[in-house]
């Protein structure tokens, strides 16, 4: 596989809690494929449980 292969970032929207559609954003195929294959299937950013803990500590 070409080490510099870029693909549309929208292919990886599943890991983001808020999906922003940017059809112009290109990402490194190898890096993002490795990342998404190693994450749990239900993983999302930001981690809402972690954010809730941070917010409750600040209050």
N, C-alpha and C. Protein backbone atom coordinates (compact mmCIF):
# COMPACT_ATOMS: atom_id res chain seq x y z
N UNK A 1 0.85 -1.18 0.00
CA UNK A 1 0.00 0.00 0.00
C UNK A 1 0.89 1.24 0.00
N UNK A 2 0.47 2.25 -0.73
CA UNK A 2 1.20 3.52 -0.81
C UNK A 2 1.25 4.17 0.57
N UNK A 3 2.43 4.47 1.07
CA UNK A 3 2.59 5.04 2.41
C UNK A 3 1.97 6.43 2.53
N UNK A 4 1.77 7.10 1.42
CA UNK A 4 1.22 8.45 1.45
C UNK A 4 -0.24 8.50 1.01
N UNK A 5 -0.92 7.37 1.01
CA UNK A 5 -2.30 7.32 0.56
C UNK A 5 -3.20 8.12 1.49
N UNK A 6 -3.94 9.04 0.92
CA UNK A 6 -4.89 9.86 1.68
C UNK A 6 -6.30 9.49 1.27
N UNK A 7 -7.19 9.42 2.24
CA UNK A 7 -8.61 9.13 1.99
C UNK A 7 -9.45 10.18 2.72
N UNK A 8 -10.70 10.26 2.38
CA UNK A 8 -11.60 11.23 3.02
C UNK A 8 -11.80 10.87 4.49
N UNK A 9 -11.64 11.87 5.33
CA UNK A 9 -11.78 11.67 6.77
C UNK A 9 -13.17 11.22 7.18
N UNK A 10 -14.16 11.50 6.38
CA UNK A 10 -15.54 11.13 6.68
C UNK A 10 -15.69 9.61 6.86
N UNK A 11 -14.77 8.84 6.31
CA UNK A 11 -14.81 7.38 6.45
C UNK A 11 -14.67 6.94 7.91
N UNK A 12 -14.14 7.81 8.75
CA UNK A 12 -13.86 7.45 10.13
C UNK A 12 -14.75 8.18 11.12
N UNK A 13 -15.85 8.74 10.66
CA UNK A 13 -16.76 9.48 11.53
C UNK A 13 -17.32 8.66 12.67
N UNK A 14 -17.35 7.35 12.56
CA UNK A 14 -17.96 6.50 13.59
C UNK A 14 -17.32 6.69 14.97
N UNK A 15 -16.08 7.12 15.03
CA UNK A 15 -15.45 7.26 16.34
C UNK A 15 -15.72 8.60 17.01
N UNK A 16 -16.40 9.49 16.33
CA UNK A 16 -16.67 10.81 16.90
C UNK A 16 -18.13 10.93 17.33
N UNK A 17 -18.35 11.40 18.56
CA UNK A 17 -19.71 11.55 19.08
C UNK A 17 -20.49 12.58 18.27
N UNK A 18 -19.80 13.60 17.82
CA UNK A 18 -20.42 14.62 16.98
C UNK A 18 -19.77 14.53 15.60
N UNK A 19 -20.57 14.17 14.62
CA UNK A 19 -20.03 14.00 13.27
C UNK A 19 -20.08 15.31 12.50
N UNK A 20 -18.92 15.77 12.12
CA UNK A 20 -18.82 16.96 11.28
C UNK A 20 -18.51 16.47 9.87
N UNK A 21 -19.31 16.89 8.95
CA UNK A 21 -19.10 16.44 7.58
C UNK A 21 -18.21 17.44 6.86
N UNK A 22 -17.01 16.99 6.58
CA UNK A 22 -16.05 17.80 5.83
C UNK A 22 -15.51 16.91 4.72
N UNK A 23 -16.09 17.04 3.56
CA UNK A 23 -15.71 16.17 2.46
C UNK A 23 -14.34 16.50 1.88
N UNK A 24 -13.76 17.62 2.29
CA UNK A 24 -12.45 18.02 1.78
C UNK A 24 -11.30 17.51 2.65
N UNK A 25 -11.58 17.10 3.88
CA UNK A 25 -10.54 16.65 4.80
C UNK A 25 -9.99 15.30 4.36
N UNK A 26 -8.69 15.24 4.16
CA UNK A 26 -8.02 14.00 3.79
C UNK A 26 -7.13 13.56 4.94
N UNK A 27 -7.13 12.25 5.22
CA UNK A 27 -6.33 11.71 6.32
C UNK A 27 -5.48 10.56 5.81
N UNK A 28 -4.47 10.24 6.57
CA UNK A 28 -3.56 9.15 6.22
C UNK A 28 -4.28 7.80 6.41
N UNK A 29 -4.44 7.07 5.33
CA UNK A 29 -5.17 5.80 5.34
C UNK A 29 -4.58 4.81 6.34
N UNK A 30 -3.27 4.62 6.31
CA UNK A 30 -2.64 3.62 7.17
C UNK A 30 -2.84 3.95 8.65
N UNK A 31 -2.61 5.19 9.02
CA UNK A 31 -2.74 5.60 10.41
C UNK A 31 -4.16 5.43 10.90
N UNK A 32 -5.13 5.93 10.16
CA UNK A 32 -6.53 5.88 10.61
C UNK A 32 -7.10 4.47 10.56
N UNK A 33 -6.68 3.66 9.60
CA UNK A 33 -7.16 2.28 9.59
C UNK A 33 -6.61 1.52 10.79
N UNK A 34 -5.35 1.71 11.11
CA UNK A 34 -4.76 1.04 12.27
C UNK A 34 -5.47 1.49 13.54
N UNK A 35 -5.68 2.78 13.67
CA UNK A 35 -6.36 3.33 14.85
C UNK A 35 -7.75 2.73 15.01
N UNK A 36 -8.55 2.75 13.97
CA UNK A 36 -9.93 2.29 14.10
C UNK A 36 -10.04 0.78 14.26
N UNK A 37 -9.10 0.04 13.74
CA UNK A 37 -9.17 -1.42 13.93
C UNK A 37 -8.74 -1.82 15.34
N UNK A 38 -7.97 -0.98 16.01
CA UNK A 38 -7.52 -1.32 17.36
C UNK A 38 -8.42 -0.75 18.46
N UNK A 39 -9.34 0.12 18.11
CA UNK A 39 -10.28 0.66 19.09
C UNK A 39 -11.45 -0.29 19.29
N UNK A 40 -12.04 -0.30 20.49
CA UNK A 40 -13.26 -1.09 20.69
C UNK A 40 -14.35 -0.60 19.73
N UNK A 41 -15.23 -1.49 19.32
CA UNK A 41 -16.27 -1.17 18.33
C UNK A 41 -17.15 -0.01 18.77
N UNK A 42 -17.37 0.15 20.08
CA UNK A 42 -18.27 1.20 20.56
C UNK A 42 -17.54 2.45 21.04
N UNK A 43 -16.25 2.55 20.77
CA UNK A 43 -15.45 3.69 21.22
C UNK A 43 -15.85 4.96 20.49
N UNK A 44 -15.96 6.06 21.25
CA UNK A 44 -16.23 7.36 20.64
C UNK A 44 -15.45 8.46 21.35
N UNK A 45 -15.11 9.47 20.57
CA UNK A 45 -14.47 10.68 21.09
C UNK A 45 -15.45 11.82 21.04
N UNK A 46 -15.55 12.71 21.97
CA UNK A 46 -14.88 12.57 23.26
C UNK A 46 -15.53 11.48 24.08
N UNK A 47 -14.80 11.00 25.06
CA UNK A 47 -15.31 9.98 25.98
C UNK A 47 -16.25 10.70 26.94
N UNK A 48 -17.55 10.53 26.72
CA UNK A 48 -18.56 11.28 27.48
C UNK A 48 -18.51 10.97 28.98
N UNK A 49 -18.23 9.73 29.34
CA UNK A 49 -18.14 9.37 30.76
C UNK A 49 -16.97 10.11 31.43
N UNK A 50 -15.86 10.17 30.74
CA UNK A 50 -14.70 10.89 31.28
C UNK A 50 -14.99 12.38 31.39
N UNK A 51 -15.66 12.93 30.39
CA UNK A 51 -16.02 14.35 30.43
C UNK A 51 -16.97 14.64 31.59
N UNK A 52 -17.92 13.76 31.81
CA UNK A 52 -18.88 13.95 32.90
C UNK A 52 -18.14 13.99 34.25
N UNK A 53 -17.14 13.13 34.41
CA UNK A 53 -16.34 13.12 35.65
C UNK A 53 -15.57 14.43 35.81
N UNK A 54 -15.01 14.92 34.76
CA UNK A 54 -14.24 16.17 34.81
C UNK A 54 -15.17 17.33 35.17
N UNK A 55 -16.33 17.38 34.54
CA UNK A 55 -17.28 18.46 34.80
C UNK A 55 -17.77 18.42 36.23
N UNK A 56 -18.08 17.21 36.74
CA UNK A 56 -18.59 17.11 38.12
C UNK A 56 -17.52 17.50 39.14
N UNK A 57 -16.25 17.27 38.85
CA UNK A 57 -15.18 17.66 39.76
C UNK A 57 -15.04 19.17 39.80
N UNK A 58 -15.21 19.82 38.66
CA UNK A 58 -15.08 21.28 38.59
C UNK A 58 -16.23 21.99 39.31
N UNK A 59 -17.38 21.35 39.40
CA UNK A 59 -18.55 22.00 40.00
C UNK A 59 -18.49 21.91 41.46
